C-alpha atoms as a PDB file:
ATOM      1  CA  MET A   1      47.219  52.776 -27.881  1.00  0.00           C
ATOM      2  CA  GLY A   2      47.457  49.470 -29.234  1.00  0.00           C
ATOM      3  CA  LYS A   3      44.708  50.065 -31.104  1.00  0.00           C
ATOM      4  CA  ILE A   4      45.982  52.838 -32.698  1.00  0.00           C
ATOM      5  CA  SER A   5      49.095  51.622 -33.519  1.00  0.00           C
ATOM      6  CA  THR A   6      47.907  48.607 -35.354  1.00  0.00           C
ATOM      7  CA  LEU A   7      45.526  50.929 -37.203  1.00  0.00           C
ATOM      8  CA  GLY A   8      48.810  52.894 -38.124  1.00  0.00           C
ATOM      9  CA  ALA A   9      50.547  49.664 -39.023  1.00  0.00           C
ATOM     10  CA  ALA A  10      47.512  48.787 -41.428  1.00  0.00           C
ATOM     11  CA  PHE A  11      47.898  52.152 -42.967  1.00  0.00           C
ATOM     12  CA  ALA A  12      51.301  51.689 -43.647  1.00  0.00           C
ATOM     13  CA  PHE A  13      50.744  48.173 -45.091  1.00  0.00           C
ATOM     14  CA  ALA A  14      48.133  49.762 -47.564  1.00  0.00           C
ATOM     15  CA  ALA A  15      50.638  52.531 -48.471  1.00  0.00           C
ATOM     16  CA  LEU A  16      53.427  50.156 -49.122  1.00  0.00           C
ATOM     17  CA  LEU A  17      51.302  47.845 -51.224  1.00  0.00           C
ATOM     18  CA  PHE A  18      49.818  50.493 -53.512  1.00  0.00           C
ATOM     19  CA  THR A  19      52.976  52.947 -53.914  1.00  0.00           C
ATOM     20  CA  SER A  20      55.118  51.873 -56.889  1.00  0.00           C
ATOM     21  CA  PRO A  21      58.429  52.115 -56.203  1.00  0.00           C
ATOM     22  CA  THR A  22      60.645  54.450 -58.122  1.00  0.00           C
ATOM     23  CA  ILE A  23      64.044  54.340 -56.348  1.00  0.00           C
ATOM     24  CA  ALA A  24      65.416  51.816 -58.408  1.00  0.00           C
ATOM     25  CA  ALA A  25      64.345  49.939 -61.586  1.00  0.00           C
ATOM     26  CA  PRO A  26      64.059  46.154 -60.661  1.00  0.00           C
ATOM     27  CA  SER A  27      66.388  43.501 -61.887  1.00  0.00           C
ATOM     28  CA  ALA A  28      65.736  40.587 -64.217  1.00  0.00           C
ATOM     29  CA  ALA A  29      66.052  38.356 -61.311  1.00  0.00           C
ATOM     30  CA  GLU A  30      62.688  39.594 -59.935  1.00  0.00           C
ATOM     31  CA  PRO A  31      60.343  38.752 -62.550  1.00  0.00           C
ATOM     32  CA  THR A  32      62.377  35.438 -63.276  1.00  0.00           C
ATOM     33  CA  ALA A  33      61.493  34.641 -59.192  1.00  0.00           C
ATOM     34  CA  LEU A  34      58.171  35.463 -59.768  1.00  0.00           C
ATOM     35  CA  LEU A  35      57.769  32.610 -62.841  1.00  0.00           C
ATOM     36  CA  ASP A  36      59.342  30.174 -60.795  1.00  0.00           C
ATOM     37  CA  ARG A  37      56.771  30.813 -58.004  1.00  0.00           C
ATOM     38  CA  ALA A  38      53.878  30.916 -60.569  1.00  0.00           C
ATOM     39  CA  ALA A  39      54.788  27.741 -61.908  1.00  0.00           C
ATOM     40  CA  ALA A  40      54.827  26.320 -58.769  1.00  0.00           C
ATOM     41  CA  THR A  41      51.254  27.498 -58.322  1.00  0.00           C
ATOM     42  CA  ILE A  42      50.021  25.712 -61.622  1.00  0.00           C
ATOM     43  CA  GLU A  43      51.592  22.530 -59.957  1.00  0.00           C
ATOM     44  CA  HIS A  44      49.190  23.125 -56.600  1.00  0.00           C
ATOM     45  CA  MET A  45      46.306  23.702 -59.044  1.00  0.00           C
ATOM     46  CA  LYS A  46      46.497  20.880 -61.236  1.00  0.00           C
ATOM     47  CA  VAL A  47      46.132  18.702 -57.942  1.00  0.00           C
ATOM     48  CA  ASP A  48      43.565  20.527 -55.940  1.00  0.00           C
ATOM     49  CA  PRO A  49      40.203  18.524 -56.409  1.00  0.00           C
ATOM     50  CA  GLY A  50      38.401  22.209 -56.362  1.00  0.00           C
ATOM     51  CA  PHE A  51      39.929  22.597 -59.850  1.00  0.00           C
ATOM     52  CA  GLY A  52      39.338  19.080 -60.757  1.00  0.00           C
ATOM     53  CA  PRO A  53      36.085  19.971 -62.987  1.00  0.00           C
ATOM     54  CA  ALA A  54      38.101  22.779 -65.050  1.00  0.00           C
ATOM     55  CA  GLN A  55      40.876  20.660 -66.381  1.00  0.00           C
ATOM     56  CA  SER A  56      39.380  20.284 -69.801  1.00  0.00           C
ATOM     57  CA  ARG A  57      39.063  23.761 -69.934  1.00  0.00           C
ATOM     58  CA  VAL A  58      42.649  25.149 -69.477  1.00  0.00           C
ATOM     59  CA  ASN A  59      43.274  24.507 -73.487  1.00  0.00           C
ATOM     60  CA  GLU A  60      40.244  26.663 -74.166  1.00  0.00           C
ATOM     61  CA  ALA A  61      41.436  29.615 -72.445  1.00  0.00           C
ATOM     62  CA  LYS A  62      42.171  32.321 -74.351  1.00  0.00           C
ATOM     63  CA  ALA A  63      44.726  33.467 -71.680  1.00  0.00           C
ATOM     64  CA  MET A  64      45.748  32.887 -68.275  1.00  0.00           C
ATOM     65  CA  PHE A  65      47.113  35.038 -65.424  1.00  0.00           C
ATOM     66  CA  VAL A  66      48.810  33.239 -62.128  1.00  0.00           C
ATOM     67  CA  VAL A  67      49.407  35.204 -58.688  1.00  0.00           C
ATOM     68  CA  PRO A  68      51.212  32.946 -56.429  1.00  0.00           C
ATOM     69  CA  SER A  69      50.834  35.439 -53.853  1.00  0.00           C
ATOM     70  CA  LEU A  70      48.143  37.366 -53.274  1.00  0.00           C
ATOM     71  CA  VAL A  71      48.480  39.202 -49.751  1.00  0.00           C
ATOM     72  CA  LYS A  72      45.705  40.282 -47.480  1.00  0.00           C
ATOM     73  CA  GLY A  73      46.129  42.259 -44.460  1.00  0.00           C
ATOM     74  CA  GLY A  74      44.998  44.896 -41.984  1.00  0.00           C
ATOM     75  CA  PHE A  75      42.591  46.115 -39.238  1.00  0.00           C
ATOM     76  CA  ILE A  76      39.432  47.577 -39.912  1.00  0.00           C
ATOM     77  CA  PHE A  77      41.196  48.935 -43.120  1.00  0.00           C
ATOM     78  CA  GLY A  78      42.014  46.115 -45.537  1.00  0.00           C
ATOM     79  CA  ALA A  79      44.438  45.849 -48.412  1.00  0.00           C
ATOM     80  CA  GLU A  80      45.143  43.184 -50.770  1.00  0.00           C
ATOM     81  CA  GLY A  81      47.735  43.029 -53.966  1.00  0.00           C
ATOM     82  CA  GLY A  82      50.483  41.054 -55.494  1.00  0.00           C
ATOM     83  CA  SER A  83      52.266  40.371 -58.785  1.00  0.00           C
ATOM     84  CA  GLY A  84      51.693  37.832 -61.368  1.00  0.00           C
ATOM     85  CA  VAL A  85      52.273  36.583 -64.882  1.00  0.00           C
ATOM     86  CA  LEU A  86      49.846  36.648 -68.032  1.00  0.00           C
ATOM     87  CA  MET A  87      50.381  34.328 -70.761  1.00  0.00           C
ATOM     88  CA  ALA A  88      48.202  34.216 -73.800  1.00  0.00           C
ATOM     89  CA  ASN A  89      47.261  31.071 -75.307  1.00  0.00           C
ATOM     90  CA  ASN A  90      47.802  31.342 -79.283  1.00  0.00           C
ATOM     91  CA  ASN A  91      46.252  28.610 -81.062  1.00  0.00           C
ATOM     92  CA  GLY A  92      47.633  25.908 -78.205  1.00  0.00           C
ATOM     93  CA  ALA A  93      51.074  27.455 -77.832  1.00  0.00           C
ATOM     94  CA  TRP A  94      51.244  29.619 -74.547  1.00  0.00           C
ATOM     95  CA  SER A  95      52.944  32.829 -74.920  1.00  0.00           C
ATOM     96  CA  ASP A  96      55.988  34.148 -72.842  1.00  0.00           C
ATOM     97  CA  PRO A  97      54.908  36.235 -69.716  1.00  0.00           C
ATOM     98  CA  ALA A  98      53.476  39.470 -69.305  1.00  0.00           C
ATOM     99  CA  PHE A  99      54.215  40.975 -65.922  1.00  0.00           C
ATOM    100  CA  TYR A 100      51.114  42.811 -63.967  1.00  0.00           C
ATOM    101  CA  THR A 101      50.193  43.555 -60.378  1.00  0.00           C
ATOM    102  CA  MET A 102      46.634  43.213 -58.817  1.00  0.00           C
ATOM    103  CA  GLY A 103      45.762  45.226 -55.742  1.00  0.00           C
ATOM    104  CA  SER A 104      42.827  46.487 -54.261  1.00  0.00           C
ATOM    105  CA  ALA A 105      41.543  48.331 -50.939  1.00  0.00           C
ATOM    106  CA  SER A 106      38.599  47.671 -48.730  1.00  0.00           C
ATOM    107  CA  PHE A 107      36.895  48.737 -45.700  1.00  0.00           C
ATOM    108  CA  GLY A 108      35.187  46.546 -43.084  1.00  0.00           C
ATOM    109  CA  LEU A 109      35.779  44.384 -39.913  1.00  0.00           C
ATOM    110  CA  GLN A 110      38.665  42.619 -40.799  1.00  0.00           C
ATOM    111  CA  ALA A 111      41.863  41.360 -39.051  1.00  0.00           C
ATOM    112  CA  GLY A 112      44.972  38.815 -39.862  1.00  0.00           C
ATOM    113  CA  LEU A 113      47.182  38.568 -42.685  1.00  0.00           C
ATOM    114  CA  GLU A 114      46.589  35.684 -45.275  1.00  0.00           C
ATOM    115  CA  LYS A 115      48.586  34.663 -48.377  1.00  0.00           C
ATOM    116  CA  THR A 116      46.746  33.299 -51.308  1.00  0.00           C
ATOM    117  CA  GLU A 117      47.127  31.627 -54.538  1.00  0.00           C
ATOM    118  CA  VAL A 118      45.273  32.846 -57.604  1.00  0.00           C
ATOM    119  CA  VAL A 119      45.054  31.401 -61.068  1.00  0.00           C
ATOM    120  CA  MET A 120      42.470  33.043 -63.638  1.00  0.00           C
ATOM    121  CA  LEU A 121      41.483  31.156 -66.674  1.00  0.00           C
ATOM    122  CA  ILE A 122      40.429  33.996 -69.135  1.00  0.00           C
ATOM    123  CA  MET A 123      38.141  32.360 -71.558  1.00  0.00           C
ATOM    124  CA  SER A 124      36.731  35.169 -73.882  1.00  0.00           C
ATOM    125  CA  ASP A 125      38.495  37.749 -75.954  1.00  0.00           C
ATOM    126  CA  LYS A 126      36.673  40.646 -74.335  1.00  0.00           C
ATOM    127  CA  ALA A 127      37.867  39.465 -70.912  1.00  0.00           C
ATOM    128  CA  LEU A 128      41.500  39.500 -72.379  1.00  0.00           C
ATOM    129  CA  GLN A 129      40.981  42.647 -74.037  1.00  0.00           C
ATOM    130  CA  SER A 130      39.395  44.168 -70.511  1.00  0.00           C
ATOM    131  CA  ILE A 131      42.405  43.203 -68.850  1.00  0.00           C
ATOM    132  CA  THR A 132      45.425  44.356 -71.712  1.00  0.00           C
ATOM    133  CA  ARG A 133      43.895  47.699 -72.380  1.00  0.00           C
ATOM    134  CA  GLY A 134      44.783  48.652 -68.891  1.00  0.00           C
ATOM    135  CA  GLN A 135      43.349  49.663 -65.652  1.00  0.00           C
ATOM    136  CA  PHE A 136      40.829  46.243 -65.669  1.00  0.00           C
ATOM    137  CA  LYS A 137      38.761  46.566 -62.118  1.00  0.00           C
ATOM    138  CA  PHE A 138      36.583  43.735 -60.931  1.00  0.00           C
ATOM    139  CA  GLY A 139      33.088  44.458 -60.889  1.00  0.00           C
ATOM    140  CA  ALA A 140      33.117  47.676 -62.945  1.00  0.00           C
ATOM    141  CA  ASP A 141      32.428  45.856 -66.186  1.00  0.00           C
ATOM    142  CA  ALA A 142      28.772  44.229 -65.909  1.00  0.00           C
ATOM    143  CA  GLY A 143      29.276  42.578 -69.166  1.00  0.00           C
ATOM    144  CA  LEU A 144      31.819  40.084 -67.647  1.00  0.00           C
ATOM    145  CA  THR A 145      31.040  36.916 -65.866  1.00  0.00           C
ATOM    146  CA  VAL A 146      33.192  35.696 -63.061  1.00  0.00           C
ATOM    147  CA  VAL A 147      32.963  32.154 -61.752  1.00  0.00           C
ATOM    148  CA  SER A 148      34.788  30.390 -58.905  1.00  0.00           C
ATOM    149  CA  LEU A 149      36.534  27.068 -59.457  1.00  0.00           C
ATOM    150  CA  SER A 150      37.485  26.906 -55.384  1.00  0.00           C
ATOM    151  CA  ALA A 151      36.355  23.988 -53.386  1.00  0.00           C
ATOM    152  CA  GLY A 152      33.308  25.143 -51.180  1.00  0.00           C
ATOM    153  CA  ALA A 153      29.950  26.392 -51.261  1.00  0.00           C
ATOM    154  CA  GLY A 154      28.830  28.130 -54.485  1.00  0.00           C
ATOM    155  CA  ALA A 155      31.986  26.843 -56.426  1.00  0.00           C
ATOM    156  CA  ALA A 156      31.453  25.892 -59.757  1.00  0.00           C
ATOM    157  CA  THR A 157      31.090  22.067 -60.842  1.00  0.00           C
ATOM    158  CA  ALA A 158      31.196  20.464 -64.555  1.00  0.00           C
ATOM    159  CA  PRO A 159      27.785  21.577 -65.570  1.00  0.00           C
ATOM    160  CA  ASN A 160      28.204  24.956 -64.937  1.00  0.00           C
ATOM    161  CA  LEU A 161      31.789  25.806 -65.827  1.00  0.00           C
ATOM    162  CA  SER A 162      30.766  29.008 -67.795  1.00  0.00           C
ATOM    163  CA  GLY A 163      31.877  32.521 -67.445  1.00  0.00           C
ATOM    164  CA  ASP A 164      34.395  35.150 -69.231  1.00  0.00           C
ATOM    165  CA  ILE A 165      36.842  34.234 -66.147  1.00  0.00           C
ATOM    166  CA  LEU A 166      37.237  31.304 -64.390  1.00  0.00           C
ATOM    167  CA  ILE A 167      38.960  31.693 -60.740  1.00  0.00           C
ATOM    168  CA  TRP A 168      40.746  29.317 -58.954  1.00  0.00           C
ATOM    169  CA  THR A 169      42.368  30.301 -55.440  1.00  0.00           C
ATOM    170  CA  SER A 170      44.261  28.320 -52.714  1.00  0.00           C
ATOM    171  CA  GLY A 171      44.881  30.040 -49.178  1.00  0.00           C
ATOM    172  CA  LYS A 172      44.389  29.707 -45.734  1.00  0.00           C
ATOM    173  CA  GLY A 173      44.467  32.161 -42.660  1.00  0.00           C
ATOM    174  CA  LEU A 174      41.951  34.578 -40.630  1.00  0.00           C
ATOM    175  CA  TYR A 175      39.997  35.780 -44.017  1.00  0.00           C
ATOM    176  CA  GLY A 176      36.859  33.803 -44.940  1.00  0.00           C
ATOM    177  CA  GLY A 177      37.446  34.053 -48.398  1.00  0.00           C
ATOM    178  CA  LEU A 178      38.658  36.300 -51.463  1.00  0.00           C
ATOM    179  CA  THR A 179      36.616  39.114 -52.315  1.00  0.00           C
ATOM    180  CA  LEU A 180      37.541  40.411 -55.930  1.00  0.00           C
ATOM    181  CA  ASN A 181      35.251  43.256 -56.633  1.00  0.00           C
ATOM    182  CA  GLY A 182      37.103  46.275 -56.614  1.00  0.00           C
ATOM    183  CA  SER A 183      40.544  44.803 -57.457  1.00  0.00           C
ATOM    184  CA  VAL A 184      42.478  46.279 -60.303  1.00  0.00           C
ATOM    185  CA  ILE A 185      44.839  44.672 -62.547  1.00  0.00           C
ATOM    186  CA  ASN A 186      47.650  46.849 -64.166  1.00  0.00           C
ATOM    187  CA  SER A 187      50.705  45.848 -66.248  1.00  0.00           C
ATOM    188  CA  ARG A 188      54.392  46.189 -64.691  1.00  0.00           C
ATOM    189  CA  ASP A 189      55.980  47.731 -67.753  1.00  0.00           C
ATOM    190  CA  ASP A 190      59.218  48.131 -65.479  1.00  0.00           C
ATOM    191  CA  TRP A 191      59.306  44.114 -64.995  1.00  0.00           C
ATOM    192  CA  ASN A 192      58.699  43.760 -68.695  1.00  0.00           C
ATOM    193  CA  THR A 193      61.626  45.790 -69.628  1.00  0.00           C
ATOM    194  CA  ALA A 194      63.965  44.168 -66.972  1.00  0.00           C
ATOM    195  CA  PHE A 195      62.941  40.342 -68.281  1.00  0.00           C
ATOM    196  CA  TYR A 196      63.366  41.136 -71.739  1.00  0.00           C
ATOM    197  CA  GLY A 197      65.935  43.844 -71.538  1.00  0.00           C
ATOM    198  CA  LYS A 198      64.160  46.213 -73.586  1.00  0.00           C
ATOM    199  CA  PRO A 199      60.693  48.108 -73.376  1.00  0.00           C
ATOM    200  CA  VAL A 200      58.155  45.761 -75.143  1.00  0.00           C
ATOM    201  CA  PRO A 201      54.355  46.408 -75.459  1.00  0.00           C
ATOM    202  CA  VAL A 202      52.334  43.508 -73.715  1.00  0.00           C
ATOM    203  CA  ALA A 203      50.486  42.968 -77.192  1.00  0.00           C
ATOM    204  CA  ASP A 204      53.525  41.938 -78.629  1.00  0.00           C
ATOM    205  CA  ILE A 205      54.358  39.456 -75.564  1.00  0.00           C
ATOM    206  CA  LEU A 206      51.044  37.896 -75.654  1.00  0.00           C
ATOM    207  CA  ALA A 207      51.176  37.390 -79.455  1.00  0.00           C
ATOM    208  CA  GLY A 208      54.470  35.716 -79.378  1.00  0.00           C
ATOM    209  CA  ARG A 209      56.437  38.183 -81.239  1.00  0.00           C
ATOM    210  CA  VAL A 210      58.861  38.692 -78.237  1.00  0.00           C
ATOM    211  CA  LYS A 211      60.746  35.831 -77.076  1.00  0.00           C
ATOM    212  CA  SER A 212      62.648  35.548 -73.731  1.00  0.00           C
ATOM    213  CA  ALA A 213      66.150  34.432 -73.617  1.00  0.00           C
ATOM    214  CA  GLY A 214      65.168  32.065 -70.121  1.00  0.00           C
ATOM    215  CA  PRO A 215      63.152  29.044 -69.749  1.00  0.00           C
ATOM    216  CA  ASN A 216      59.296  29.320 -69.009  1.00  0.00           C
ATOM    217  CA  PRO A 217      58.372  27.046 -66.082  1.00  0.00           C
ATOM    218  CA  VAL A 218      54.817  27.841 -66.141  1.00  0.00           C
ATOM    219  CA  ARG A 219      54.651  26.792 -69.749  1.00  0.00           C
ATOM    220  CA  ALA A 220      56.434  23.709 -68.987  1.00  0.00           C
ATOM    221  CA  ASN A 221      54.308  22.914 -66.451  1.00  0.00           C
ATOM    222  CA  LEU A 222      50.884  23.687 -68.369  1.00  0.00           C
ATOM    223  CA  ALA A 223      52.377  21.223 -71.420  1.00  0.00           C
ATOM    224  CA  ALA A 224      52.958  18.683 -68.614  1.00  0.00           C
ATOM    225  CA  ARG A 225      49.668  18.425 -67.798  1.00  0.00           C
END
């Protein structure tokens, strides 16, 4: 009975994770709070020794995607997901944020619940185009190279920091690592509308043609590097 209940809870978790809320439109407070958490994640990244070799690559990135809390959980069936902000680097000037989600489902012998911070440096135009055109899925585009910046075996070092997407992660829990294959990145148009007060295309946000009325703590933290 306990195992069945746990399995049912896992299904419920996955259902909640991948079902977009349709009851009420989000308020501007939700994306604003996410932006604050993303700024804190940038602070954590900057002091992580695992990210050290990539410090010089930040200014070379075409864009940055920050997910301050990627939740992983389940029993037998697992699921992971979280909201994040995507900002483009326009000749050294970081754009205002476009809001996205990242989520996936997996199958395997898994147990536990983990929250992980994720920062992706988007290093090539083709990688940025793959994400912004919608329904980007890790592992589906064989032409993109993804490199891990996190400390541990297999992490990138200064001599081999090359790839279309460089990923830094930081998290603890019962999961032994972060597997992004199969993860899908989608824009959160409802959050973009709530944050900017009107429907705005992601392309206009990233190109700097749309400006937010409030502060951008992520951009401030990047400028303070």
